[in-house]
Protein backbone atom coordinates (compact mmCIF):
# COMPACT_ATOMS: atom_id res chain seq x y z
CA MET A 1 17.92 -37.61 -39.42
CA THR A 2 15.75 -40.27 -39.08
CA ALA A 3 15.08 -43.31 -36.79
CA SER A 4 12.71 -45.98 -35.60
CA ASN A 5 11.82 -47.38 -32.28
CA ALA A 6 12.22 -43.83 -30.10
CA GLN A 7 11.83 -44.23 -26.42
CA HIS A 8 10.86 -42.05 -23.95
CA MET A 9 13.49 -42.31 -20.71
CA ASP A 10 14.40 -40.07 -18.10
CA ILE A 11 17.18 -37.33 -19.22
CA SER A 12 19.02 -34.95 -17.36
CA ALA A 13 18.34 -31.85 -17.41
CA GLU A 14 21.74 -30.68 -18.30
CA ASP A 15 22.02 -33.57 -21.15
CA ARG A 16 18.45 -31.90 -22.48
CA LEU A 17 20.09 -28.57 -22.39
CA ARG A 18 23.13 -30.01 -24.22
CA ALA A 19 20.85 -31.73 -26.71
CA ASP A 20 18.83 -28.61 -27.12
CA PHE A 21 21.72 -26.28 -28.08
CA TYR A 22 23.14 -28.93 -30.44
CA ASN A 23 19.80 -29.03 -31.88
CA PHE A 24 19.57 -25.49 -31.83
CA LEU A 25 22.70 -24.98 -33.88
CA GLY A 26 21.84 -27.63 -36.12
CA LEU A 27 19.09 -25.79 -37.16
CA LEU A 28 20.74 -22.39 -37.90
CA LEU A 29 23.19 -24.55 -39.88
CA ALA A 30 20.76 -26.22 -41.96
CA GLY A 31 19.30 -22.82 -43.72
CA PRO A 32 18.55 -19.67 -42.78
CA PRO A 33 16.64 -18.33 -39.98
CA ASP A 34 13.37 -16.91 -40.26
CA GLN A 35 11.53 -14.38 -38.40
CA LEU A 36 10.42 -16.68 -35.75
CA LEU A 37 13.95 -18.08 -35.44
CA LEU A 38 15.75 -14.63 -35.22
CA ASP A 39 12.78 -13.72 -32.52
CA GLN A 40 13.66 -16.65 -31.00
CA MET A 41 17.34 -16.40 -30.66
CA ALA A 42 16.63 -12.65 -29.05
CA GLY A 43 14.83 -13.43 -26.74
CA LEU A 44 18.29 -15.58 -25.39
CA SER A 45 19.88 -15.02 -22.35
CA GLY A 46 23.09 -16.08 -20.80
CA ASP A 47 25.44 -15.61 -18.02
CA ASP A 48 28.81 -14.90 -17.57
CA THR A 49 30.35 -17.70 -18.59
CA ASP A 50 32.33 -17.94 -21.67
CA LEU A 51 29.11 -19.91 -23.36
CA GLY A 52 26.44 -16.76 -21.75
CA GLN A 53 28.29 -13.90 -23.19
CA ALA A 54 28.70 -16.08 -26.40
CA ILE A 55 24.71 -16.31 -26.11
CA GLN A 56 23.92 -13.24 -25.36
CA ALA A 57 26.00 -11.57 -28.49
CA MET A 58 24.24 -13.25 -30.74
CA ALA A 59 20.87 -12.24 -29.28
CA ARG A 60 21.73 -8.78 -29.71
CA VAL A 61 22.72 -9.21 -32.98
CA ALA A 62 19.28 -11.86 -34.12
CA LYS A 63 17.34 -8.51 -33.04
CA VAL A 64 18.42 -6.55 -35.78
CA THR A 65 18.48 -8.63 -38.38
CA LYS A 66 16.10 -9.17 -40.80
CA PRO A 67 15.06 -12.51 -42.18
CA ALA A 68 15.95 -11.08 -45.89
CA ALA A 69 19.59 -10.06 -44.02
CA ALA A 70 20.00 -13.29 -42.55
CA GLU A 71 19.55 -15.35 -45.52
CA ARG A 72 21.69 -13.82 -48.11
CA GLU A 73 24.16 -14.02 -45.51
CA PHE A 74 23.70 -17.88 -45.21
CA ASN A 75 24.38 -18.13 -49.47
CA ALA A 76 27.18 -16.70 -49.17
CA LEU A 77 28.65 -17.98 -46.24
CA PHE A 78 27.65 -21.75 -47.43
CA ILE A 79 26.60 -21.29 -50.88
CA GLY A 80 27.69 -19.26 -53.30
CA LEU A 81 27.98 -18.01 -56.84
CA GLY A 82 29.00 -22.32 -57.57
CA ARG A 83 30.56 -22.64 -53.91
CA GLY A 84 30.20 -20.75 -50.36
CA GLU A 85 32.97 -18.63 -48.50
CA LEU A 86 33.07 -22.36 -46.03
CA LEU A 87 32.31 -25.82 -47.04
CA PRO A 88 30.89 -26.82 -43.14
CA TYR A 89 31.70 -30.40 -44.54
CA ALA A 90 34.21 -33.18 -42.16
CA SER A 91 35.49 -34.52 -45.05
CA PHE A 92 36.75 -31.02 -46.41
CA TYR A 93 37.73 -29.74 -43.69
CA LEU A 94 39.98 -33.30 -42.41
CA THR A 95 40.95 -34.46 -46.21
CA GLY A 96 40.90 -31.04 -48.34
CA PHE A 97 38.22 -32.78 -50.51
CA LEU A 98 34.21 -33.79 -50.44
CA ASN A 99 32.91 -37.19 -50.21
CA GLU A 100 36.06 -38.83 -49.26
CA LYS A 101 37.12 -41.42 -45.94
CA PRO A 102 35.15 -39.26 -43.09
CA LEU A 103 31.71 -39.73 -44.74
CA ALA A 104 32.08 -42.92 -45.54
CA GLN A 105 33.38 -43.63 -42.04
CA LEU A 106 30.44 -41.69 -40.80
CA ARG A 107 27.58 -43.22 -42.66
CA ASN A 108 29.12 -46.94 -41.03
CA ASP A 109 28.38 -45.32 -37.89
CA MET A 110 25.19 -44.45 -38.63
CA ALA A 111 24.21 -47.54 -39.68
CA VAL A 112 25.61 -49.26 -36.95
CA ARG A 113 23.54 -46.95 -34.43
CA GLY A 114 20.25 -47.20 -37.17
CA ILE A 115 20.52 -43.46 -38.10
CA THR A 116 19.69 -42.59 -41.81
CA ARG A 117 19.10 -39.55 -43.75
CA ALA A 118 15.82 -38.04 -43.85
CA LYS A 119 14.49 -38.44 -47.30
CA ASN A 120 14.35 -34.86 -48.09
CA VAL A 121 18.19 -33.78 -47.48
CA PHE A 122 20.45 -34.32 -50.19
CA GLU A 123 23.61 -32.85 -48.00
CA PRO A 124 26.37 -35.12 -47.40
CA GLU A 125 25.86 -36.47 -44.24
CA ASP A 126 28.96 -35.13 -42.31
CA ASN A 127 27.66 -31.81 -42.98
CA ILE A 128 28.32 -29.83 -39.65
CA ALA A 129 24.13 -29.30 -39.75
CA SER A 130 23.42 -33.21 -39.53
CA LEU A 131 26.29 -33.66 -36.54
CA MET A 132 25.02 -31.23 -34.37
CA GLU A 133 21.41 -33.23 -35.41
CA ILE A 134 22.76 -36.71 -34.86
CA MET A 135 24.55 -35.68 -31.37
CA ALA A 136 21.17 -34.26 -30.06
CA GLY A 137 19.38 -37.19 -31.08
CA MET A 138 22.08 -39.91 -30.01
CA ILE A 139 21.77 -37.85 -26.09
CA VAL A 140 17.74 -37.94 -25.91
CA GLY A 141 17.09 -40.93 -27.39
CA ARG A 142 15.85 -40.14 -30.86
CA PHE A 143 17.21 -43.29 -32.68
CA GLY A 144 16.23 -45.44 -29.95
CA THR A 145 17.85 -45.62 -26.39
CA ALA A 146 19.88 -42.49 -25.52
CA ALA A 147 23.52 -43.17 -26.21
CA PRO A 148 25.17 -43.89 -22.91
CA LEU A 149 28.07 -41.23 -22.20
CA ASP A 150 31.09 -43.39 -23.38
CA ASP A 151 29.53 -44.03 -27.23
CA GLN A 152 28.26 -40.08 -27.34
CA LYS A 153 32.30 -39.51 -26.67
CA ALA A 154 33.92 -42.42 -29.06
CA PHE A 155 31.52 -40.20 -31.75
CA TRP A 156 31.86 -36.90 -31.09
CA ASN A 157 35.89 -37.63 -30.81
CA LYS A 158 35.83 -39.58 -34.17
CA HIS A 159 33.57 -37.38 -36.37
CA ILE A 160 33.32 -34.12 -34.42
CA GLY A 161 35.71 -33.04 -32.44
CA PRO A 162 38.49 -33.30 -35.07
CA TRP A 163 37.22 -30.70 -36.63
CA ALA A 164 34.01 -28.57 -35.91
CA ALA A 165 36.10 -26.12 -33.35
CA HIS A 166 37.94 -25.24 -36.22
CA PHE A 167 34.97 -24.82 -38.50
CA TYR A 168 33.34 -22.42 -36.32
CA SER A 169 36.45 -20.39 -35.59
CA ASP A 170 36.14 -19.84 -39.57
CA LEU A 171 32.49 -19.29 -39.44
CA GLU A 172 33.38 -16.28 -37.02
CA ALA A 173 36.39 -14.56 -38.83
CA ALA A 174 34.44 -15.16 -42.51
CA GLU A 175 34.07 -12.17 -44.47
CA ALA A 176 30.33 -12.46 -44.90
CA SER A 177 29.66 -13.65 -41.49
CA VAL A 178 27.47 -10.89 -39.36
CA LEU A 179 24.68 -12.91 -37.10
CA TYR A 180 26.65 -15.99 -37.84
CA ALA A 181 29.88 -14.86 -36.73
CA SER A 182 27.68 -14.55 -33.47
CA VAL A 183 26.81 -18.45 -33.88
CA GLY A 184 30.23 -19.26 -35.38
CA THR A 185 31.73 -18.00 -31.64
CA ALA A 186 28.81 -19.86 -29.88
CA GLY A 187 29.59 -22.81 -31.47
CA ARG A 188 32.94 -22.75 -30.69
CA VAL A 189 32.71 -21.69 -27.30
CA PHE A 190 30.27 -25.14 -26.79
CA MET A 191 32.50 -27.37 -28.61
CA GLU A 192 35.74 -26.28 -26.32
CA ILE A 193 33.01 -26.94 -22.88
CA GLU A 194 32.14 -30.60 -24.60
CA ARG A 195 35.78 -31.45 -25.58
CA GLU A 196 36.45 -30.47 -21.82
CA ALA A 197 33.60 -32.53 -20.34
CA PHE A 198 34.35 -35.93 -22.77
CA ARG A 199 37.73 -35.71 -21.60
CA MET A 200 37.15 -35.29 -17.77
CA THR A 201 34.85 -38.56 -18.41
CA ALA A 202 37.10 -42.17 -17.64
CA ALA A 203 37.99 -43.63 -20.76
């Protein structure tokens, strides 16, 4: 995703961590991890929280995963012969079909915010990787000024909240998932944290 007029501003440490984790999930879901990214995953450490435990599990699996195995797993999950085991698109999860109303609504909301699809990306914008990247960009102001919490909440509730946790649960349980089962757990727990945090903010 691209935008002009990105500005430097003070972002809280907590919001930077949120954005970093959204970016991290987006990176893992956009394509199979190379050795550098696997090494970064293996070096992660967590705490006793549910998310910390999920991150530790992800690090353990990454330590014993080779790039070729990660690529085979990614292809089986998301590409496959004709299609992968999972279809990581909002339209599919919300309507049962690709390129439906949720995609049109997302494109409209992206246009309002000055967010455009990168020229080298051909996936529909409502894929999970793009949505994770958009949330990260909104938090840190990559698309102009940092989005206020109520705008983040509105976007999340409309485009991510209704289906992302379901997708991550499916990723946890997918037949082809090994490394990505741990990504699914971390993503699901993170979505639950975000849902609760947004719920607690004033309407």
